[in-house]
Amino acid sequence: MAASPIKISPGAASPMLHRLTQRLGEMAQAYALPKVMAASSQLGRALSLVRESNAVIKLFIPHYWAIYVHDGRGSYGPGSPATRGKPARFLVWFRNPNNDPRLRAGLQAIRRNQVRRLTKEQFKFWLDQNKLARRLGLPAPMVVYGWPNQPGKKAPPDPGRFYFGNAPGQGMHGFLDHARPEAKAIVQKEMRKLLGEEFFKKKKDIIRVRI
């Protein structure tokens, strides 16, 4: 069967491309959201669509540390290659993020320049809370790696979540198979709008569209 090439101007195709990418972007966002939420509810709530052009739309998370959750990291702590910036004597985190004075309402900073350090007074206060918790037989609310009794102890490596990955077992695996029928249906519908139903009634051969 012969193929009939049809040239469509960029101006005529522009609305179709916009609607196609918008729909596929929304589908990708809905597909990725459960995987991102499983890795971090804070990142999941921040997941959004960003349009770069009429034909390009992307999933976007603004948090600087999202890449560490996605790709994973090695061991972290004093002397570790994963440590960046000025070397620290110890690494501190809180079992309940709402107790962490460095966070805002228990949420991690979005930009790196928003990161805050514990003051000496805050650190001493939570050391006292740790002592109180131990006397009561409870877990220490503040966890300290590398100080005072475990010099050089490091946080263990953390595997990546790969919520945007396409490989088997990763977050977006299977999305293309899910999206292809929808994309085909959208293009067919848009082409019928663009060329008219009468055109398709007359055409019996294959139509090849170049945009």
C-alpha atoms as a PDB file:
ATOM      1  CA  MET A   1       0.000   0.000   0.000  1.00  0.00           C
ATOM      2  CA  ALA A   2       1.398   3.408  -0.956  1.00  0.00           C
ATOM      3  CA  ALA A   3       2.291   6.040   1.615  1.00  0.00           C
ATOM      4  CA  SER A   4       1.217   9.635   1.045  1.00  0.00           C
ATOM      5  CA  PRO A   5       3.530  12.146   2.782  1.00  0.00           C
ATOM      6  CA  ILE A   6       1.800  15.227   4.171  1.00  0.00           C
ATOM      7  CA  LYS A   7       3.759  18.332   5.157  1.00  0.00           C
ATOM      8  CA  ILE A   8       2.317  20.236   8.129  1.00  0.00           C
ATOM      9  CA  SER A   9       3.643  23.659   9.016  1.00  0.00           C
ATOM     10  CA  PRO A  10       5.053  24.218  12.515  1.00  0.00           C
ATOM     11  CA  GLY A  11       2.366  26.821  13.168  1.00  0.00           C
ATOM     12  CA  ALA A  12      -0.431  24.379  12.384  1.00  0.00           C
ATOM     13  CA  ALA A  13       1.192  21.600  14.399  1.00  0.00           C
ATOM     14  CA  SER A  14       1.966  23.774  17.440  1.00  0.00           C
ATOM     15  CA  PRO A  15      -1.367  23.325  19.274  1.00  0.00           C
ATOM     16  CA  MET A  16      -1.238  19.571  18.679  1.00  0.00           C
ATOM     17  CA  LEU A  17       2.291  19.322  20.094  1.00  0.00           C
ATOM     18  CA  HIS A  18       1.316  21.383  23.128  1.00  0.00           C
ATOM     19  CA  ARG A  19      -1.722  19.225  23.912  1.00  0.00           C
ATOM     20  CA  LEU A  20       0.204  16.011  23.267  1.00  0.00           C
ATOM     21  CA  THR A  21       3.122  16.892  25.545  1.00  0.00           C
ATOM     22  CA  GLN A  22       0.800  18.257  28.225  1.00  0.00           C
ATOM     23  CA  ARG A  23      -1.227  15.052  28.324  1.00  0.00           C
ATOM     24  CA  LEU A  24       1.830  12.795  28.312  1.00  0.00           C
ATOM     25  CA  GLY A  25       3.465  14.969  30.975  1.00  0.00           C
ATOM     26  CA  GLU A  26       0.411  14.641  33.214  1.00  0.00           C
ATOM     27  CA  MET A  27       0.418  10.882  32.675  1.00  0.00           C
ATOM     28  CA  ALA A  28       4.135  10.696  33.541  1.00  0.00           C
ATOM     29  CA  GLN A  29       3.575  12.767  36.686  1.00  0.00           C
ATOM     30  CA  ALA A  30       0.738  10.505  37.833  1.00  0.00           C
ATOM     31  CA  TYR A  31       2.839   7.415  37.040  1.00  0.00           C
ATOM     32  CA  ALA A  32       5.904   8.696  38.908  1.00  0.00           C
ATOM     33  CA  LEU A  33       4.147  10.206  41.930  1.00  0.00           C
ATOM     34  CA  PRO A  34       3.607   6.985  43.961  1.00  0.00           C
ATOM     35  CA  LYS A  35       7.275   6.035  43.476  1.00  0.00           C
ATOM     36  CA  VAL A  36       8.514   9.489  44.518  1.00  0.00           C
ATOM     37  CA  MET A  37       6.163   9.554  47.526  1.00  0.00           C
ATOM     38  CA  ALA A  38       7.462   6.139  48.617  1.00  0.00           C
ATOM     39  CA  ALA A  39      11.019   7.558  48.580  1.00  0.00           C
ATOM     40  CA  SER A  40      10.146  10.897  50.242  1.00  0.00           C
ATOM     41  CA  SER A  41       6.758  12.467  50.891  1.00  0.00           C
ATOM     42  CA  GLN A  42       8.404  15.915  50.842  1.00  0.00           C
ATOM     43  CA  LEU A  43       9.797  15.301  47.351  1.00  0.00           C
ATOM     44  CA  GLY A  44       6.498  13.794  46.210  1.00  0.00           C
ATOM     45  CA  ARG A  45       4.579  16.911  47.250  1.00  0.00           C
ATOM     46  CA  ALA A  46       7.081  19.050  45.322  1.00  0.00           C
ATOM     47  CA  LEU A  47       6.896  17.048  42.070  1.00  0.00           C
ATOM     48  CA  SER A  48       5.643  19.260  39.249  1.00  0.00           C
ATOM     49  CA  LEU A  49       5.644  19.711  35.483  1.00  0.00           C
ATOM     50  CA  VAL A  50       7.860  22.345  33.885  1.00  0.00           C
ATOM     51  CA  ARG A  51       7.368  23.299  30.249  1.00  0.00           C
ATOM     52  CA  GLU A  52      10.609  24.120  28.432  1.00  0.00           C
ATOM     53  CA  SER A  53       9.124  24.586  24.979  1.00  0.00           C
ATOM     54  CA  ASN A  54       6.011  23.799  23.024  1.00  0.00           C
ATOM     55  CA  ALA A  55       7.319  20.287  22.370  1.00  0.00           C
ATOM     56  CA  VAL A  56       9.181  19.624  25.661  1.00  0.00           C
ATOM     57  CA  ILE A  57       7.749  19.213  29.142  1.00  0.00           C
ATOM     58  CA  LYS A  58       9.659  17.749  32.090  1.00  0.00           C
ATOM     59  CA  LEU A  59       9.089  16.323  35.548  1.00  0.00           C
ATOM     60  CA  PHE A  60      10.793  18.573  38.086  1.00  0.00           C
ATOM     61  CA  ILE A  61      11.695  18.467  41.793  1.00  0.00           C
ATOM     62  CA  PRO A  62      13.427  21.630  43.100  1.00  0.00           C
ATOM     63  CA  HIS A  63      15.161  20.149  46.161  1.00  0.00           C
ATOM     64  CA  TYR A  64      18.951  20.016  45.872  1.00  0.00           C
ATOM     65  CA  TRP A  65      19.093  16.681  47.721  1.00  0.00           C
ATOM     66  CA  ALA A  66      16.568  14.912  45.465  1.00  0.00           C
ATOM     67  CA  ILE A  67      19.457  13.528  43.393  1.00  0.00           C
ATOM     68  CA  TYR A  68      20.873  11.786  46.482  1.00  0.00           C
ATOM     69  CA  VAL A  69      17.546  10.092  47.146  1.00  0.00           C
ATOM     70  CA  HIS A  70      17.254   9.145  43.467  1.00  0.00           C
ATOM     71  CA  ASP A  71      20.819   7.957  42.811  1.00  0.00           C
ATOM     72  CA  GLY A  72      21.715   6.870  46.363  1.00  0.00           C
ATOM     73  CA  ARG A  73      24.960   7.635  48.153  1.00  0.00           C
ATOM     74  CA  GLY A  74      27.916   5.953  49.755  1.00  0.00           C
ATOM     75  CA  SER A  75      28.722   5.932  53.450  1.00  0.00           C
ATOM     76  CA  TYR A  76      28.555   9.395  54.950  1.00  0.00           C
ATOM     77  CA  GLY A  77      30.426  10.878  57.877  1.00  0.00           C
ATOM     78  CA  PRO A  78      33.855  12.059  59.059  1.00  0.00           C
ATOM     79  CA  GLY A  79      36.503  11.274  56.458  1.00  0.00           C
ATOM     80  CA  SER A  80      34.015   9.807  53.998  1.00  0.00           C
ATOM     81  CA  PRO A  81      34.419  10.635  50.272  1.00  0.00           C
ATOM     82  CA  ALA A  82      30.696  11.458  50.272  1.00  0.00           C
ATOM     83  CA  THR A  83      31.280  14.335  52.696  1.00  0.00           C
ATOM     84  CA  ARG A  84      31.402  17.686  50.931  1.00  0.00           C
ATOM     85  CA  GLY A  85      32.610  21.062  52.115  1.00  0.00           C
ATOM     86  CA  LYS A  86      34.328  21.584  55.456  1.00  0.00           C
ATOM     87  CA  PRO A  87      34.941  18.192  57.143  1.00  0.00           C
ATOM     88  CA  ALA A  88      32.737  17.672  60.196  1.00  0.00           C
ATOM     89  CA  ARG A  89      33.737  15.885  63.392  1.00  0.00           C
ATOM     90  CA  PHE A  90      30.392  14.101  63.513  1.00  0.00           C
ATOM     91  CA  LEU A  91      27.092  13.619  61.732  1.00  0.00           C
ATOM     92  CA  VAL A  92      23.801  14.355  63.511  1.00  0.00           C
ATOM     93  CA  TRP A  93      20.212  13.482  62.712  1.00  0.00           C
ATOM     94  CA  PHE A  94      16.973  13.274  64.701  1.00  0.00           C
ATOM     95  CA  ARG A  95      14.607  10.338  64.965  1.00  0.00           C
ATOM     96  CA  ASN A  96      11.713  12.783  64.775  1.00  0.00           C
ATOM     97  CA  PRO A  97      12.429  15.471  62.125  1.00  0.00           C
ATOM     98  CA  ASN A  98      10.117  17.863  63.968  1.00  0.00           C
ATOM     99  CA  ASN A  99      12.711  18.002  66.773  1.00  0.00           C
ATOM    100  CA  ASP A 100      15.520  19.058  64.443  1.00  0.00           C
ATOM    101  CA  PRO A 101      16.252  22.797  64.920  1.00  0.00           C
ATOM    102  CA  ARG A 102      17.911  22.904  61.500  1.00  0.00           C
ATOM    103  CA  LEU A 103      14.660  22.086  59.726  1.00  0.00           C
ATOM    104  CA  ARG A 104      11.584  24.175  59.131  1.00  0.00           C
ATOM    105  CA  ALA A 105       8.495  22.370  60.445  1.00  0.00           C
ATOM    106  CA  GLY A 106      10.380  19.090  60.032  1.00  0.00           C
ATOM    107  CA  LEU A 107      11.085  19.720  56.342  1.00  0.00           C
ATOM    108  CA  GLN A 108      14.494  19.604  54.684  1.00  0.00           C
ATOM    109  CA  ALA A 109      15.842  22.724  52.964  1.00  0.00           C
ATOM    110  CA  ILE A 110      15.078  23.118  49.274  1.00  0.00           C
ATOM    111  CA  ARG A 111      18.250  24.996  48.282  1.00  0.00           C
ATOM    112  CA  ARG A 112      21.711  24.212  49.577  1.00  0.00           C
ATOM    113  CA  ASN A 113      22.195  27.779  50.830  1.00  0.00           C
ATOM    114  CA  GLN A 114      19.199  27.294  53.138  1.00  0.00           C
ATOM    115  CA  VAL A 115      20.929  24.529  55.116  1.00  0.00           C
ATOM    116  CA  ARG A 116      21.436  25.462  58.778  1.00  0.00           C
ATOM    117  CA  ARG A 117      23.840  24.033  61.382  1.00  0.00           C
ATOM    118  CA  LEU A 118      23.146  23.196  64.996  1.00  0.00           C
ATOM    119  CA  THR A 119      24.372  25.812  67.431  1.00  0.00           C
ATOM    120  CA  LYS A 120      26.456  24.738  70.433  1.00  0.00           C
ATOM    121  CA  GLU A 121      23.510  25.535  72.693  1.00  0.00           C
ATOM    122  CA  GLN A 122      21.105  23.399  70.618  1.00  0.00           C
ATOM    123  CA  PHE A 123      23.573  20.528  70.475  1.00  0.00           C
ATOM    124  CA  LYS A 124      24.112  20.605  74.255  1.00  0.00           C
ATOM    125  CA  PHE A 125      20.343  20.742  74.872  1.00  0.00           C
ATOM    126  CA  TRP A 126      19.746  17.610  72.808  1.00  0.00           C
ATOM    127  CA  LEU A 127      22.696  15.802  74.382  1.00  0.00           C
ATOM    128  CA  ASP A 128      20.946  16.371  77.716  1.00  0.00           C
ATOM    129  CA  GLN A 129      17.719  15.048  76.189  1.00  0.00           C
ATOM    130  CA  ASN A 130      19.613  11.946  75.058  1.00  0.00           C
ATOM    131  CA  LYS A 131      20.876  11.357  78.617  1.00  0.00           C
ATOM    132  CA  LEU A 132      17.336  11.752  79.960  1.00  0.00           C
ATOM    133  CA  ALA A 133      15.953   9.318  77.370  1.00  0.00           C
ATOM    134  CA  ARG A 134      18.573   6.701  78.253  1.00  0.00           C
ATOM    135  CA  ARG A 135      17.741   6.979  81.947  1.00  0.00           C
ATOM    136  CA  LEU A 136      14.119   6.290  81.036  1.00  0.00           C
ATOM    137  CA  GLY A 137      15.076   3.362  78.815  1.00  0.00           C
ATOM    138  CA  LEU A 138      14.038   5.180  75.622  1.00  0.00           C
ATOM    139  CA  PRO A 139      15.898   5.629  72.320  1.00  0.00           C
ATOM    140  CA  ALA A 140      18.000   8.785  72.136  1.00  0.00           C
ATOM    141  CA  PRO A 141      16.088  11.457  70.150  1.00  0.00           C
ATOM    142  CA  MET A 142      19.312  12.792  68.607  1.00  0.00           C
ATOM    143  CA  VAL A 143      21.560  10.301  66.790  1.00  0.00           C
ATOM    144  CA  VAL A 144      25.245  11.192  66.559  1.00  0.00           C
ATOM    145  CA  TYR A 145      27.765   9.464  64.298  1.00  0.00           C
ATOM    146  CA  GLY A 146      31.448   9.914  65.141  1.00  0.00           C
ATOM    147  CA  TRP A 147      31.132  11.497  68.618  1.00  0.00           C
ATOM    148  CA  PRO A 148      31.833  11.161  71.471  1.00  0.00           C
ATOM    149  CA  ASN A 149      32.332   7.393  71.899  1.00  0.00           C
ATOM    150  CA  GLN A 150      32.428   6.267  68.264  1.00  0.00           C
ATOM    151  CA  PRO A 151      35.084   8.357  66.476  1.00  0.00           C
ATOM    152  CA  GLY A 152      35.000   7.940  62.727  1.00  0.00           C
ATOM    153  CA  LYS A 153      31.739   5.972  62.665  1.00  0.00           C
ATOM    154  CA  LYS A 154      29.882   6.624  59.424  1.00  0.00           C
ATOM    155  CA  ALA A 155      26.282   6.434  58.331  1.00  0.00           C
ATOM    156  CA  PRO A 156      25.831   3.359  56.127  1.00  0.00           C
ATOM    157  CA  PRO A 157      25.378   3.738  52.354  1.00  0.00           C
ATOM    158  CA  ASP A 158      21.878   4.393  51.105  1.00  0.00           C
ATOM    159  CA  PRO A 159      20.657   2.700  47.892  1.00  0.00           C
ATOM    160  CA  GLY A 160      19.090   4.813  45.179  1.00  0.00           C
ATOM    161  CA  ARG A 161      15.322   4.865  44.699  1.00  0.00           C
ATOM    162  CA  PHE A 162      15.528   5.604  40.920  1.00  0.00           C
ATOM    163  CA  TYR A 163      11.928   6.826  40.734  1.00  0.00           C
ATOM    164  CA  PHE A 164      12.630   8.420  37.313  1.00  0.00           C
ATOM    165  CA  GLY A 165      14.597   5.439  35.960  1.00  0.00           C
ATOM    166  CA  ASN A 166      13.356   3.408  32.970  1.00  0.00           C
ATOM    167  CA  ALA A 167      15.223   0.163  33.638  1.00  0.00           C
ATOM    168  CA  PRO A 168      13.336  -2.896  34.960  1.00  0.00           C
ATOM    169  CA  GLY A 169      12.544  -2.443  38.629  1.00  0.00           C
ATOM    170  CA  GLN A 170      12.862   1.349  38.468  1.00  0.00           C
ATOM    171  CA  GLY A 171      10.103   3.912  38.852  1.00  0.00           C
ATOM    172  CA  MET A 172       9.191   4.721  35.226  1.00  0.00           C
ATOM    173  CA  HIS A 173       9.686   1.211  33.832  1.00  0.00           C
ATOM    174  CA  GLY A 174       6.645   0.336  31.735  1.00  0.00           C
ATOM    175  CA  PHE A 175       5.522   3.937  31.270  1.00  0.00           C
ATOM    176  CA  LEU A 176       6.326   3.999  27.546  1.00  0.00           C
ATOM    177  CA  ASP A 177       4.098   0.977  26.944  1.00  0.00           C
ATOM    178  CA  HIS A 178       1.417   2.726  28.990  1.00  0.00           C
ATOM    179  CA  ALA A 179       1.824   6.018  27.102  1.00  0.00           C
ATOM    180  CA  ARG A 180       2.105   4.849  23.470  1.00  0.00           C
ATOM    181  CA  PRO A 181      -1.597   4.001  22.953  1.00  0.00           C
ATOM    182  CA  GLU A 182      -2.593   7.323  24.508  1.00  0.00           C
ATOM    183  CA  ALA A 183      -0.136   9.249  22.312  1.00  0.00           C
ATOM    184  CA  LYS A 184      -1.398   7.457  19.196  1.00  0.00           C
ATOM    185  CA  ALA A 185      -5.010   8.234  20.070  1.00  0.00           C
ATOM    186  CA  ILE A 186      -4.199  11.911  20.704  1.00  0.00           C
ATOM    187  CA  VAL A 187      -2.344  12.275  17.391  1.00  0.00           C
ATOM    188  CA  GLN A 188      -5.168  10.597  15.478  1.00  0.00           C
ATOM    189  CA  LYS A 189      -7.742  12.861  17.103  1.00  0.00           C
ATOM    190  CA  GLU A 190      -5.671  15.984  16.475  1.00  0.00           C
ATOM    191  CA  MET A 191      -5.032  15.018  12.843  1.00  0.00           C
ATOM    192  CA  ARG A 192      -8.732  14.620  12.245  1.00  0.00           C
ATOM    193  CA  LYS A 193      -9.269  18.098  13.658  1.00  0.00           C
ATOM    194  CA  LEU A 194      -6.452  19.501  11.519  1.00  0.00           C
ATOM    195  CA  LEU A 195      -7.288  17.842   8.214  1.00  0.00           C
ATOM    196  CA  GLY A 196     -11.044  17.294   8.580  1.00  0.00           C
ATOM    197  CA  GLU A 197     -13.149  14.147   8.508  1.00  0.00           C
ATOM    198  CA  GLU A 198     -13.776  14.436   4.762  1.00  0.00           C
ATOM    199  CA  PHE A 199     -10.062  14.100   4.102  1.00  0.00           C
ATOM    200  CA  PHE A 200      -9.950  10.762   5.932  1.00  0.00           C
ATOM    201  CA  LYS A 201     -13.040   9.495   4.182  1.00  0.00           C
ATOM    202  CA  LYS A 202     -11.387  10.044   0.808  1.00  0.00           C
ATOM    203  CA  LYS A 203      -7.942   8.749   1.733  1.00  0.00           C
ATOM    204  CA  LYS A 204      -7.605   4.961   1.569  1.00  0.00           C
ATOM    205  CA  ASP A 205      -3.832   4.602   1.662  1.00  0.00           C
ATOM    206  CA  ILE A 206      -1.306   5.110   4.452  1.00  0.00           C
ATOM    207  CA  ILE A 207      -0.714   8.700   5.496  1.00  0.00           C
ATOM    208  CA  ARG A 208       2.760   9.687   6.652  1.00  0.00           C
ATOM    209  CA  VAL A 209       2.849  12.934   8.574  1.00  0.00           C
ATOM    210  CA  ARG A 210       5.986  15.046   8.889  1.00  0.00           C
ATOM    211  CA  ILE A 211       5.994  17.908  11.378  1.00  0.00           C
END
